[in-house]
Amino acid sequence: ETQCGDCIASQASMGGEATACTECNGPGHYSDMALSGACKLAPAGYIPTSNRDNIEQCPKDTFSIGASDDCTNCDNGGHSKPGSSACEKCTT
Protein backbone atom coordinates (compact mmCIF):
# COMPACT_ATOMS: atom_id res chain seq x y z
CA GLU A 1 0.00 0.00 0.00
CA THR A 2 1.32 3.43 -0.93
CA GLN A 3 2.08 5.85 1.87
CA CYS A 4 2.81 9.57 1.54
CA GLY A 5 6.47 8.70 2.06
CA ASP A 6 6.55 6.68 -1.16
CA CYS A 7 5.82 9.66 -3.42
CA ILE A 8 8.60 11.84 -4.80
CA ALA A 9 8.45 15.56 -5.62
CA SER A 10 6.11 16.06 -8.62
CA GLN A 11 3.79 13.35 -7.23
CA ALA A 12 1.30 13.09 -4.38
CA SER A 13 -0.49 10.25 -2.63
CA MET A 14 -3.74 12.27 -2.65
CA GLY A 15 -4.55 10.93 0.83
CA GLY A 16 -7.50 8.83 1.87
CA GLU A 17 -7.49 5.31 0.47
CA ALA A 18 -4.90 6.06 -2.24
CA THR A 19 -2.75 3.06 -3.14
CA ALA A 20 -0.57 4.73 -5.76
CA CYS A 21 1.22 8.01 -6.27
CA THR A 22 -0.48 10.43 -8.63
CA GLU A 23 1.53 12.60 -11.02
CA CYS A 24 0.88 16.29 -10.46
CA ASN A 25 0.19 16.91 -14.15
CA GLY A 26 -3.12 18.78 -14.18
CA PRO A 27 -3.17 22.42 -15.30
CA GLY A 28 -0.93 24.38 -12.96
CA HIS A 29 -0.29 21.42 -10.64
CA TYR A 30 3.06 20.70 -8.99
CA SER A 31 4.53 19.17 -5.84
CA ASP A 32 7.71 20.71 -4.44
CA MET A 33 8.46 18.05 -1.85
CA ALA A 34 8.51 14.33 -1.34
CA LEU A 35 5.95 12.84 1.08
CA SER A 36 3.23 15.13 -0.24
CA GLY A 37 -0.39 14.15 0.32
CA ALA A 38 -1.71 16.56 -2.35
CA CYS A 39 -0.60 18.51 -5.40
CA LYS A 40 -0.35 22.30 -5.20
CA LEU A 41 -1.60 24.86 -7.72
CA ALA A 42 0.73 27.48 -9.16
CA PRO A 43 -0.37 30.95 -8.01
CA ALA A 44 -0.96 33.92 -10.32
CA GLY A 45 2.24 35.02 -12.06
CA TYR A 46 3.81 31.55 -11.84
CA ILE A 47 3.74 28.24 -13.70
CA PRO A 48 5.02 24.77 -12.76
CA THR A 49 8.54 23.87 -13.86
CA SER A 50 8.74 21.30 -16.66
CA ASN A 51 9.33 18.44 -14.20
CA ARG A 52 6.55 19.78 -11.92
CA ASP A 53 8.64 19.79 -8.76
CA ASN A 54 8.59 23.58 -8.29
CA ILE A 55 7.25 26.80 -9.78
CA GLU A 56 8.85 29.60 -11.78
CA GLN A 57 7.88 33.20 -12.45
CA CYS A 58 6.38 34.15 -15.76
CA PRO A 59 8.97 36.25 -17.61
CA LYS A 60 8.71 39.96 -18.41
CA ASP A 61 5.90 40.85 -20.83
CA THR A 62 3.91 37.69 -20.03
CA PHE A 63 1.38 36.81 -17.32
CA SER A 64 -0.52 33.95 -15.70
CA ILE A 65 -3.79 34.14 -13.80
CA GLY A 66 -2.73 31.05 -11.83
CA ALA A 67 -3.53 27.33 -12.07
CA SER A 68 -2.02 27.30 -15.57
CA ASP A 69 0.84 25.53 -17.34
CA ASP A 70 1.65 28.48 -19.61
CA CYS A 71 2.46 32.15 -19.38
CA THR A 72 0.47 34.25 -21.85
CA ASN A 73 2.16 36.96 -23.92
CA CYS A 74 1.01 40.52 -23.41
CA ASP A 75 -0.58 41.80 -26.61
CA ASN A 76 -1.45 45.10 -28.25
CA GLY A 77 1.42 47.04 -26.69
CA GLY A 78 0.90 45.63 -23.21
CA HIS A 79 3.78 44.96 -20.84
CA SER A 80 4.39 43.32 -17.47
CA LYS A 81 7.08 42.73 -14.88
CA PRO A 82 8.25 39.15 -14.19
CA GLY A 83 5.75 37.23 -12.04
CA SER A 84 2.73 39.25 -13.17
CA SER A 85 -0.90 38.17 -13.08
CA ALA A 86 -1.92 40.68 -15.78
CA CYS A 87 -0.48 43.03 -18.39
CA GLU A 88 -0.61 46.82 -18.28
CA LYS A 89 -0.88 49.37 -21.04
CA CYS A 90 0.70 52.77 -20.90
CA THR A 91 -1.60 55.61 -21.82
CA THR A 92 -0.27 58.65 -23.59
C-alpha atoms as a PDB file:
ATOM      1  CA  GLU A   1       0.000   0.000   0.000  1.00  0.00           C
ATOM      2  CA  THR A   2       1.325   3.429  -0.931  1.00  0.00           C
ATOM      3  CA  GLN A   3       2.078   5.849   1.873  1.00  0.00           C
ATOM      4  CA  CYS A   4       2.807   9.570   1.536  1.00  0.00           C
ATOM      5  CA  GLY A   5       6.473   8.701   2.063  1.00  0.00           C
ATOM      6  CA  ASP A   6       6.554   6.678  -1.163  1.00  0.00           C
ATOM      7  CA  CYS A   7       5.823   9.658  -3.417  1.00  0.00           C
ATOM      8  CA  ILE A   8       8.598  11.836  -4.797  1.00  0.00           C
ATOM      9  CA  ALA A   9       8.446  15.556  -5.620  1.00  0.00           C
ATOM     10  CA  SER A  10       6.109  16.059  -8.623  1.00  0.00           C
ATOM     11  CA  GLN A  11       3.792  13.351  -7.231  1.00  0.00           C
ATOM     12  CA  ALA A  12       1.301  13.095  -4.376  1.00  0.00           C
ATOM     13  CA  SER A  13      -0.491  10.248  -2.628  1.00  0.00           C
ATOM     14  CA  MET A  14      -3.736  12.271  -2.645  1.00  0.00           C
ATOM     15  CA  GLY A  15      -4.547  10.931   0.826  1.00  0.00           C
ATOM     16  CA  GLY A  16      -7.502   8.835   1.870  1.00  0.00           C
ATOM     17  CA  GLU A  17      -7.485   5.311   0.468  1.00  0.00           C
ATOM     18  CA  ALA A  18      -4.903   6.061  -2.238  1.00  0.00           C
ATOM     19  CA  THR A  19      -2.752   3.062  -3.145  1.00  0.00           C
ATOM     20  CA  ALA A  20      -0.567   4.731  -5.756  1.00  0.00           C
ATOM     21  CA  CYS A  21       1.217   8.006  -6.267  1.00  0.00           C
ATOM     22  CA  THR A  22      -0.476  10.427  -8.629  1.00  0.00           C
ATOM     23  CA  GLU A  23       1.528  12.599 -11.024  1.00  0.00           C
ATOM     24  CA  CYS A  24       0.879  16.293 -10.464  1.00  0.00           C
ATOM     25  CA  ASN A  25       0.193  16.906 -14.149  1.00  0.00           C
ATOM     26  CA  GLY A  26      -3.115  18.776 -14.180  1.00  0.00           C
ATOM     27  CA  PRO A  27      -3.172  22.415 -15.305  1.00  0.00           C
ATOM     28  CA  GLY A  28      -0.926  24.384 -12.965  1.00  0.00           C
ATOM     29  CA  HIS A  29      -0.285  21.422 -10.644  1.00  0.00           C
ATOM     30  CA  TYR A  30       3.057  20.699  -8.992  1.00  0.00           C
ATOM     31  CA  SER A  31       4.534  19.173  -5.837  1.00  0.00           C
ATOM     32  CA  ASP A  32       7.709  20.706  -4.443  1.00  0.00           C
ATOM     33  CA  MET A  33       8.461  18.052  -1.849  1.00  0.00           C
ATOM     34  CA  ALA A  34       8.506  14.326  -1.343  1.00  0.00           C
ATOM     35  CA  LEU A  35       5.951  12.839   1.080  1.00  0.00           C
ATOM     36  CA  SER A  36       3.227  15.126  -0.240  1.00  0.00           C
ATOM     37  CA  GLY A  37      -0.388  14.153   0.318  1.00  0.00           C
ATOM     38  CA  ALA A  38      -1.714  16.564  -2.345  1.00  0.00           C
ATOM     39  CA  CYS A  39      -0.595  18.510  -5.397  1.00  0.00           C
ATOM     40  CA  LYS A  40      -0.353  22.301  -5.196  1.00  0.00           C
ATOM     41  CA  LEU A  41      -1.597  24.862  -7.718  1.00  0.00           C
ATOM     42  CA  ALA A  42       0.728  27.484  -9.160  1.00  0.00           C
ATOM     43  CA  PRO A  43      -0.368  30.954  -8.015  1.00  0.00           C
ATOM     44  CA  ALA A  44      -0.957  33.917 -10.319  1.00  0.00           C
ATOM     45  CA  GLY A  45       2.244  35.024 -12.059  1.00  0.00           C
ATOM     46  CA  TYR A  46       3.812  31.550 -11.838  1.00  0.00           C
ATOM     47  CA  ILE A  47       3.737  28.239 -13.704  1.00  0.00           C
ATOM     48  CA  PRO A  48       5.022  24.771 -12.762  1.00  0.00           C
ATOM     49  CA  THR A  49       8.542  23.872 -13.864  1.00  0.00           C
ATOM     50  CA  SER A  50       8.744  21.303 -16.664  1.00  0.00           C
ATOM     51  CA  ASN A  51       9.327  18.439 -14.198  1.00  0.00           C
ATOM     52  CA  ARG A  52       6.554  19.783 -11.920  1.00  0.00           C
ATOM     53  CA  ASP A  53       8.640  19.790  -8.755  1.00  0.00           C
ATOM     54  CA  ASN A  54       8.589  23.582  -8.288  1.00  0.00           C
ATOM     55  CA  ILE A  55       7.247  26.802  -9.785  1.00  0.00           C
ATOM     56  CA  GLU A  56       8.850  29.596 -11.777  1.00  0.00           C
ATOM     57  CA  GLN A  57       7.883  33.199 -12.452  1.00  0.00           C
ATOM     58  CA  CYS A  58       6.381  34.153 -15.761  1.00  0.00           C
ATOM     59  CA  PRO A  59       8.972  36.252 -17.607  1.00  0.00           C
ATOM     60  CA  LYS A  60       8.709  39.956 -18.406  1.00  0.00           C
ATOM     61  CA  ASP A  61       5.895  40.849 -20.834  1.00  0.00           C
ATOM     62  CA  THR A  62       3.910  37.687 -20.030  1.00  0.00           C
ATOM     63  CA  PHE A  63       1.376  36.805 -17.317  1.00  0.00           C
ATOM     64  CA  SER A  64      -0.518  33.951 -15.696  1.00  0.00           C
ATOM     65  CA  ILE A  65      -3.794  34.138 -13.795  1.00  0.00           C
ATOM     66  CA  GLY A  66      -2.725  31.046 -11.827  1.00  0.00           C
ATOM     67  CA  ALA A  67      -3.528  27.327 -12.069  1.00  0.00           C
ATOM     68  CA  SER A  68      -2.018  27.302 -15.570  1.00  0.00           C
ATOM     69  CA  ASP A  69       0.837  25.533 -17.343  1.00  0.00           C
ATOM     70  CA  ASP A  70       1.651  28.477 -19.606  1.00  0.00           C
ATOM     71  CA  CYS A  71       2.462  32.151 -19.383  1.00  0.00           C
ATOM     72  CA  THR A  72       0.472  34.250 -21.846  1.00  0.00           C
ATOM     73  CA  ASN A  73       2.165  36.958 -23.923  1.00  0.00           C
ATOM     74  CA  CYS A  74       1.005  40.521 -23.414  1.00  0.00           C
ATOM     75  CA  ASP A  75      -0.577  41.795 -26.611  1.00  0.00           C
ATOM     76  CA  ASN A  76      -1.447  45.098 -28.253  1.00  0.00           C
ATOM     77  CA  GLY A  77       1.421  47.037 -26.686  1.00  0.00           C
ATOM     78  CA  GLY A  78       0.902  45.630 -23.210  1.00  0.00           C
ATOM     79  CA  HIS A  79       3.780  44.957 -20.840  1.00  0.00           C
ATOM     80  CA  SER A  80       4.393  43.320 -17.466  1.00  0.00           C
ATOM     81  CA  LYS A  81       7.076  42.725 -14.881  1.00  0.00           C
ATOM     82  CA  PRO A  82       8.255  39.150 -14.193  1.00  0.00           C
ATOM     83  CA  GLY A  83       5.748  37.233 -12.045  1.00  0.00           C
ATOM     84  CA  SER A  84       2.732  39.251 -13.173  1.00  0.00           C
ATOM     85  CA  SER A  85      -0.900  38.175 -13.077  1.00  0.00           C
ATOM     86  CA  ALA A  86      -1.923  40.678 -15.779  1.00  0.00           C
ATOM     87  CA  CYS A  87      -0.485  43.030 -18.389  1.00  0.00           C
ATOM     88  CA  GLU A  88      -0.605  46.824 -18.277  1.00  0.00           C
ATOM     89  CA  LYS A  89      -0.876  49.369 -21.045  1.00  0.00           C
ATOM     90  CA  CYS A  90       0.704  52.771 -20.904  1.00  0.00           C
ATOM     91  CA  THR A  91      -1.602  55.605 -21.816  1.00  0.00           C
ATOM     92  CA  THR A  92      -0.266  58.654 -23.590  1.00  0.00           C
END
